[in-house]
Amino acid sequence: MFDLVGIGNPVYDSIVTPLSKTSERVLSGCSTNGCLAARRLGFERVGLIGRIGNDYAARLRYDLRKYGVIASLDSVNSGTGGFHLEYDQAGNRTLQVLGVAGKIDPEMIADEFLDARFIVIGPILGEVDLSLVKFLRTSTDATLFLDPQGLIRLVGEDGKIAHKCDRDEFRKILNLVDFVKPNEPESVTITGSNDPVKALRLLQEMGSAFPIVTLAERGSVFINDGNECWVPAYETRAIDPTGAGDVYGGSFIVEYKRTHDKVESALFASAASSLMVEQVGPDFRLDPSEVRRRKDSISTALTMAPARDH
């Protein structure tokens, strides 16, 4: 049995921040980074399903073997997915599309990958749709954790990423998954609300079993047992924030498998994300003992209060 399977296309990105610049395209992707985090934090059997262009297929297979991730990949001639990401001093980013590898079909998912405790559905750009999520819900007993970023992205005329949500279809997807974790801008696109707690309420009304909204350097927030839970971020110097939310998701799952406690899992995920942003690229280090030290440090700043009505 797999501890975790990620479903979403791996990508190779080029990244420019005020403090760093990659010398070449580097491995990334929502489900990819989540799988790497889970593997480094103790999961023994981790799998990844996606499409990759022939131009990077050999390199990806080498990279994933090196990182201990079992891959089921479909190579395509259209080229490898990826973005050129540029961050400004305020942390805002633009994404220029470098390639799109195409949709993931149910036929790509072998039965052994459905025998999993957790599945992260982490699309990058349109490779997952409602029919695939329906297939997963009816074909596996795994807990389904959705990172919705690739469901609400589209390519603008200038080749840059814009955001739009088909709320009717998104509602149907939400009713099929167990967790959903948008970041704050994504939650605004999905719900129309700039208030993260109101966005959580609206996600619940849309059908989400358990929504979490991540807030970058402000941590994350969710509603648990009728309480707003504000999880702080560990204060650090961010070199490259790319993938922080992906690592949050994978780390949350690792701790949730161990404790079945959502608050403890969110604290653990927040601590792990703080390590990710101090580094660049897929070789990021996640020392479990350092993650737990940071988790203990931020746990004293956790705030919980009765959830507001909106």
Protein backbone atom coordinates (compact mmCIF):
# COMPACT_ATOMS: atom_id res chain seq x y z
CA MET A 1 0.00 0.00 0.00
CA PHE A 2 1.14 3.53 -0.75
CA ASP A 3 1.27 6.02 2.10
CA LEU A 4 0.68 8.82 -0.38
CA VAL A 5 0.05 9.17 -4.11
CA GLY A 6 0.25 12.55 -5.83
CA ILE A 7 -1.81 13.18 -8.95
CA GLY A 8 -0.76 16.16 -11.03
CA ASN A 9 1.76 16.92 -13.72
CA PRO A 10 5.35 17.44 -12.62
CA VAL A 11 6.90 20.59 -14.05
CA TYR A 12 10.29 22.14 -14.60
CA ASP A 13 10.25 25.85 -13.69
CA SER A 14 12.63 28.76 -13.89
CA ILE A 15 12.39 31.01 -10.84
CA VAL A 16 13.53 34.57 -10.13
CA THR A 17 13.11 36.16 -6.70
CA PRO A 18 14.73 39.27 -5.20
CA LEU A 19 17.20 36.94 -3.45
CA SER A 20 17.72 34.05 -5.87
CA LYS A 21 17.63 32.92 -9.48
CA THR A 22 17.72 29.38 -10.84
CA SER A 23 20.42 28.71 -13.43
CA GLU A 24 18.15 26.29 -15.32
CA ARG A 25 14.63 24.89 -15.12
CA VAL A 26 14.18 22.91 -11.88
CA LEU A 27 11.75 20.18 -10.87
CA SER A 28 8.61 21.42 -9.16
CA GLY A 29 4.84 21.02 -9.21
CA CYS A 30 2.13 20.92 -6.58
CA SER A 31 1.81 17.15 -6.20
CA THR A 32 5.53 16.66 -6.85
CA ASN A 33 6.60 18.93 -4.00
CA GLY A 34 4.00 17.39 -1.70
CA CYS A 35 5.37 13.92 -2.46
CA LEU A 36 8.97 15.04 -1.87
CA ALA A 37 8.00 16.55 1.49
CA ALA A 38 6.15 13.42 2.60
CA ARG A 39 9.05 11.20 1.60
CA ARG A 40 11.56 13.32 3.52
CA LEU A 41 9.34 13.39 6.59
CA GLY A 42 9.08 9.64 6.89
CA PHE A 43 6.59 8.17 4.44
CA GLU A 44 8.09 4.99 3.04
CA ARG A 45 6.02 4.43 -0.11
CA VAL A 46 5.15 7.51 -2.13
CA GLY A 47 3.93 7.59 -5.73
CA LEU A 48 3.37 10.22 -8.40
CA ILE A 49 1.16 10.12 -11.50
CA GLY A 50 1.34 12.67 -14.30
CA ARG A 51 2.35 13.59 -17.82
CA ILE A 52 5.79 14.82 -18.83
CA GLY A 53 7.20 15.95 -22.16
CA ASN A 54 9.72 13.78 -23.94
CA ASP A 55 12.23 16.60 -23.54
CA TYR A 56 12.43 16.09 -19.75
CA ALA A 57 11.16 12.50 -19.36
CA ALA A 58 14.54 10.85 -18.79
CA ARG A 59 15.65 13.54 -16.38
CA LEU A 60 12.41 13.31 -14.39
CA ARG A 61 12.66 9.54 -14.04
CA TYR A 62 16.24 9.94 -12.81
CA ASP A 63 15.23 12.70 -10.37
CA LEU A 64 12.32 10.75 -8.90
CA ARG A 65 14.37 7.59 -8.47
CA LYS A 66 16.97 9.68 -6.64
CA TYR A 67 14.28 11.11 -4.36
CA GLY A 68 12.66 7.73 -3.67
CA VAL A 69 9.34 8.49 -5.37
CA ILE A 70 7.67 5.73 -7.44
CA ALA A 71 6.47 7.28 -10.68
CA SER A 72 3.83 6.32 -13.22
CA LEU A 73 4.42 8.77 -16.06
CA ASP A 74 3.02 9.25 -19.53
CA SER A 75 5.47 10.89 -21.92
CA VAL A 76 4.01 13.27 -24.51
CA ASN A 77 5.38 15.11 -27.52
CA SER A 78 3.80 18.45 -26.59
CA GLY A 79 6.60 19.39 -24.21
CA THR A 80 7.05 19.54 -20.47
CA GLY A 81 4.81 21.69 -18.31
CA GLY A 82 6.34 24.56 -16.44
CA PHE A 83 6.42 28.25 -15.66
CA HIS A 84 8.82 31.13 -15.52
CA LEU A 85 8.06 32.62 -12.10
CA GLU A 86 9.10 36.13 -11.09
CA TYR A 87 8.55 37.57 -7.61
CA ASP A 88 8.67 41.23 -6.69
CA GLN A 89 9.85 42.70 -3.38
CA ALA A 90 6.33 42.40 -1.93
CA GLY A 91 6.15 38.68 -2.73
CA ASN A 92 3.71 39.06 -5.62
CA ARG A 93 4.46 36.76 -8.52
CA THR A 94 3.75 36.40 -12.22
CA LEU A 95 3.72 33.04 -14.01
CA GLN A 96 4.65 32.84 -17.68
CA VAL A 97 3.72 29.49 -19.20
CA LEU A 98 6.67 27.54 -20.61
CA GLY A 99 4.73 24.41 -21.53
CA VAL A 100 1.62 22.31 -20.90
CA ALA A 101 1.84 18.52 -20.81
CA GLY A 102 -1.87 17.70 -21.08
CA LYS A 103 -4.65 16.00 -19.14
CA ILE A 104 -4.38 13.02 -16.81
CA ASP A 105 -6.79 10.24 -17.77
CA PRO A 106 -8.18 7.57 -15.42
CA GLU A 107 -6.56 4.93 -17.64
CA MET A 108 -3.16 6.25 -16.53
CA ILE A 109 -3.81 5.25 -12.91
CA ALA A 110 -2.88 1.62 -12.27
CA ASP A 111 -4.72 -0.27 -9.55
CA GLU A 112 -1.65 -0.38 -7.30
CA PHE A 113 -1.70 3.44 -7.05
CA LEU A 114 -5.33 3.37 -5.94
CA ASP A 115 -4.30 1.27 -2.95
CA ALA A 116 -3.22 4.30 -0.95
CA ARG A 117 -3.93 5.86 2.41
CA PHE A 118 -3.87 9.41 1.03
CA ILE A 119 -4.08 10.91 -2.44
CA VAL A 120 -3.06 14.50 -3.11
CA ILE A 121 -4.87 15.92 -6.12
CA GLY A 122 -2.52 18.74 -7.08
CA PRO A 123 -3.03 19.95 -10.66
CA ILE A 124 -0.81 22.67 -12.10
CA LEU A 125 -2.79 23.77 -15.15
CA GLY A 126 -5.98 22.02 -16.15
CA GLU A 127 -4.76 18.41 -16.14
CA VAL A 128 -7.39 17.32 -13.59
CA ASP A 129 -11.13 17.63 -14.13
CA LEU A 130 -14.37 16.53 -12.48
CA SER A 131 -14.46 13.18 -14.26
CA LEU A 132 -11.03 12.23 -12.89
CA VAL A 133 -12.00 13.19 -9.34
CA LYS A 134 -15.22 11.16 -9.67
CA PHE A 135 -13.12 8.20 -10.81
CA LEU A 136 -10.85 8.54 -7.77
CA ARG A 137 -13.74 8.84 -5.32
CA THR A 138 -15.37 5.68 -6.63
CA SER A 139 -12.15 3.67 -7.12
CA THR A 140 -10.23 4.13 -3.88
CA ASP A 141 -10.77 4.32 -0.13
CA ALA A 142 -7.94 6.84 0.18
CA THR A 143 -8.43 10.18 1.90
CA LEU A 144 -8.51 12.78 -0.90
CA PHE A 145 -6.64 16.06 -0.30
CA LEU A 146 -7.20 18.73 -2.97
CA ASP A 147 -4.88 21.62 -3.73
CA PRO A 148 -7.03 23.53 -6.24
CA GLN A 149 -4.46 25.81 -7.86
CA GLY A 150 -4.51 24.14 -11.28
CA LEU A 151 -8.32 24.02 -11.37
CA ILE A 152 -8.65 27.82 -11.41
CA ARG A 153 -5.80 28.80 -13.73
CA LEU A 154 -6.06 29.70 -17.39
CA VAL A 155 -3.55 31.02 -19.90
CA GLY A 156 -4.06 34.63 -20.93
CA GLU A 157 -3.38 36.04 -24.37
CA ASP A 158 0.04 37.20 -23.17
CA GLY A 159 0.97 33.66 -22.09
CA LYS A 160 0.72 34.56 -18.42
CA ILE A 161 -1.50 32.82 -15.88
CA ALA A 162 -4.86 34.36 -15.01
CA HIS A 163 -7.41 32.99 -12.56
CA LYS A 164 -11.06 32.06 -12.98
CA CYS A 165 -13.31 29.57 -11.18
CA ASP A 166 -16.22 27.64 -12.65
CA ARG A 167 -18.06 27.51 -9.34
CA ASP A 168 -20.67 25.00 -10.43
CA GLU A 169 -18.04 22.44 -11.41
CA PHE A 170 -15.84 23.34 -8.46
CA ARG A 171 -18.73 22.69 -6.08
CA LYS A 172 -19.15 19.21 -7.54
CA ILE A 173 -15.45 18.51 -7.04
CA LEU A 174 -15.54 19.76 -3.45
CA ASN A 175 -18.27 17.31 -2.63
CA LEU A 176 -15.96 14.45 -3.60
CA VAL A 177 -12.85 15.29 -1.55
CA ASP A 178 -12.04 15.24 2.16
CA PHE A 179 -9.74 18.27 2.42
CA VAL A 180 -9.23 21.36 0.26
CA LYS A 181 -6.36 23.80 0.71
CA PRO A 182 -6.38 26.98 -1.36
CA ASN A 183 -4.04 29.85 -0.62
CA GLU A 184 -5.55 33.24 0.12
CA PRO A 185 -5.70 34.60 -3.47
CA GLU A 186 -7.12 31.29 -4.67
CA SER A 187 -9.79 31.37 -1.97
CA VAL A 188 -10.81 34.83 -3.22
CA THR A 189 -11.10 33.52 -6.79
CA ILE A 190 -13.16 30.54 -5.65
CA THR A 191 -15.50 32.27 -3.18
CA GLY A 192 -15.35 35.98 -4.03
CA SER A 193 -14.55 36.87 -0.40
CA ASN A 194 -11.43 38.70 0.78
CA ASP A 195 -12.12 37.57 4.36
CA PRO A 196 -10.45 34.16 4.83
CA VAL A 197 -12.91 33.06 7.54
CA LYS A 198 -15.87 33.97 5.35
CA ALA A 199 -14.14 32.13 2.52
CA LEU A 200 -13.91 29.05 4.77
CA ARG A 201 -17.63 29.28 5.50
CA LEU A 202 -18.41 29.60 1.81
CA LEU A 203 -16.21 26.61 0.99
CA GLN A 204 -18.08 24.62 3.60
CA GLU A 205 -21.39 25.69 2.06
CA MET A 206 -20.11 24.63 -1.36
CA GLY A 207 -19.55 21.15 0.04
CA SER A 208 -16.02 21.01 1.40
CA ALA A 209 -15.61 18.55 4.26
CA PHE A 210 -12.60 20.41 5.66
CA PRO A 211 -11.18 23.57 4.07
CA ILE A 212 -7.88 25.22 5.03
CA VAL A 213 -6.73 28.61 3.72
CA THR A 214 -3.00 29.29 3.76
CA LEU A 215 -1.94 32.91 4.30
CA ALA A 216 1.76 33.03 3.34
CA GLU A 217 3.78 34.74 6.09
CA ARG A 218 0.58 35.03 8.20
CA GLY A 219 0.27 31.25 8.53
CA SER A 220 -3.03 29.49 7.87
CA VAL A 221 -6.59 29.36 9.15
CA PHE A 222 -9.36 26.77 9.34
CA ILE A 223 -12.50 26.07 11.36
CA ASN A 224 -12.36 23.07 13.68
CA ASP A 225 -15.06 22.01 16.13
CA GLY A 226 -16.71 25.42 15.83
CA ASN A 227 -13.51 27.39 16.44
CA GLU A 228 -11.45 29.58 14.16
CA CYS A 229 -7.92 28.20 14.36
CA TRP A 230 -5.22 30.68 13.35
CA VAL A 231 -1.93 28.85 12.88
CA PRO A 232 1.09 31.16 12.83
CA ALA A 233 4.00 30.93 10.42
CA TYR A 234 7.49 30.43 11.76
CA GLU A 235 9.33 33.71 11.25
CA THR A 236 12.20 33.30 8.82
CA ARG A 237 13.88 34.86 5.79
CA ALA A 238 12.18 33.63 2.64
CA ILE A 239 14.61 33.04 -0.21
CA ASP A 240 12.08 31.42 -2.55
CA PRO A 241 8.41 30.89 -1.59
CA THR A 242 7.74 28.58 -4.55
CA GLY A 243 6.24 25.31 -3.35
CA ALA A 244 5.61 26.39 0.25
CA GLY A 245 1.92 25.54 0.01
CA ASP A 246 2.71 22.23 -1.67
CA VAL A 247 5.02 21.28 1.20
CA TYR A 248 2.32 22.41 3.65
CA GLY A 249 -0.07 19.88 2.10
CA GLY A 250 2.34 16.95 2.09
CA SER A 251 3.52 17.70 5.62
CA PHE A 252 -0.04 18.08 6.92
CA ILE A 253 -0.82 14.60 5.61
CA VAL A 254 2.26 13.07 7.26
CA GLU A 255 1.31 14.41 10.66
CA TYR A 256 -2.40 13.73 10.19
CA LYS A 257 -1.65 10.08 9.50
CA ARG A 258 0.28 9.94 12.78
CA THR A 259 -2.08 11.93 15.03
CA HIS A 260 -5.48 12.34 13.30
CA ASP A 261 -5.37 15.82 14.88
CA LYS A 262 -6.00 18.69 12.46
CA VAL A 263 -4.53 21.39 14.71
CA GLU A 264 -1.31 19.47 15.35
CA SER A 265 -1.07 18.66 11.66
CA ALA A 266 -1.46 22.30 10.62
CA LEU A 267 1.21 23.41 13.09
CA PHE A 268 3.55 20.74 11.73
CA ALA A 269 2.78 21.79 8.14
CA SER A 270 3.40 25.46 8.90
CA ALA A 271 6.76 24.61 10.46
CA ALA A 272 7.79 22.47 7.48
CA SER A 273 6.84 25.21 5.03
CA SER A 274 9.16 27.64 6.81
CA LEU A 275 12.08 25.36 5.98
CA MET A 276 11.04 25.10 2.34
CA VAL A 277 11.08 28.87 1.75
CA GLU A 278 14.66 29.13 3.02
CA GLN A 279 15.83 27.02 0.05
CA VAL A 280 15.57 26.85 -3.74
CA GLY A 281 14.68 23.85 -5.87
CA PRO A 282 13.75 20.21 -5.31
CA ASP A 283 16.72 19.33 -3.09
CA PHE A 284 15.17 21.20 -0.16
CA ARG A 285 15.98 19.64 3.21
CA LEU A 286 13.28 18.78 5.73
CA ASP A 287 14.83 17.57 8.97
CA PRO A 288 11.95 16.11 11.01
CA SER A 289 13.56 17.12 14.30
CA GLU A 290 13.91 20.73 13.12
CA VAL A 291 10.33 20.73 11.88
CA ARG A 292 9.17 19.60 15.32
CA ARG A 293 11.34 22.20 17.04
CA ARG A 294 9.76 24.94 14.93
CA LYS A 295 6.31 23.44 15.48
CA ASP A 296 6.80 23.65 19.25
CA SER A 297 8.00 27.24 18.88
CA ILE A 298 4.93 28.46 16.97
CA SER A 299 2.40 26.41 18.94
CA THR A 300 2.45 28.99 21.74
CA ALA A 301 1.14 31.60 19.26
CA LEU A 302 -1.76 29.46 18.05
CA THR A 303 -5.06 31.28 18.54
CA MET A 304 -8.48 29.68 18.73
CA ALA A 305 -11.81 31.43 19.18
CA PRO A 306 -15.47 30.69 18.44
CA ALA A 307 -15.98 30.97 14.70
CA ARG A 308 -17.70 34.12 13.51
CA ASP A 309 -20.95 33.95 11.60
CA HIS A 310 -21.08 35.68 8.24
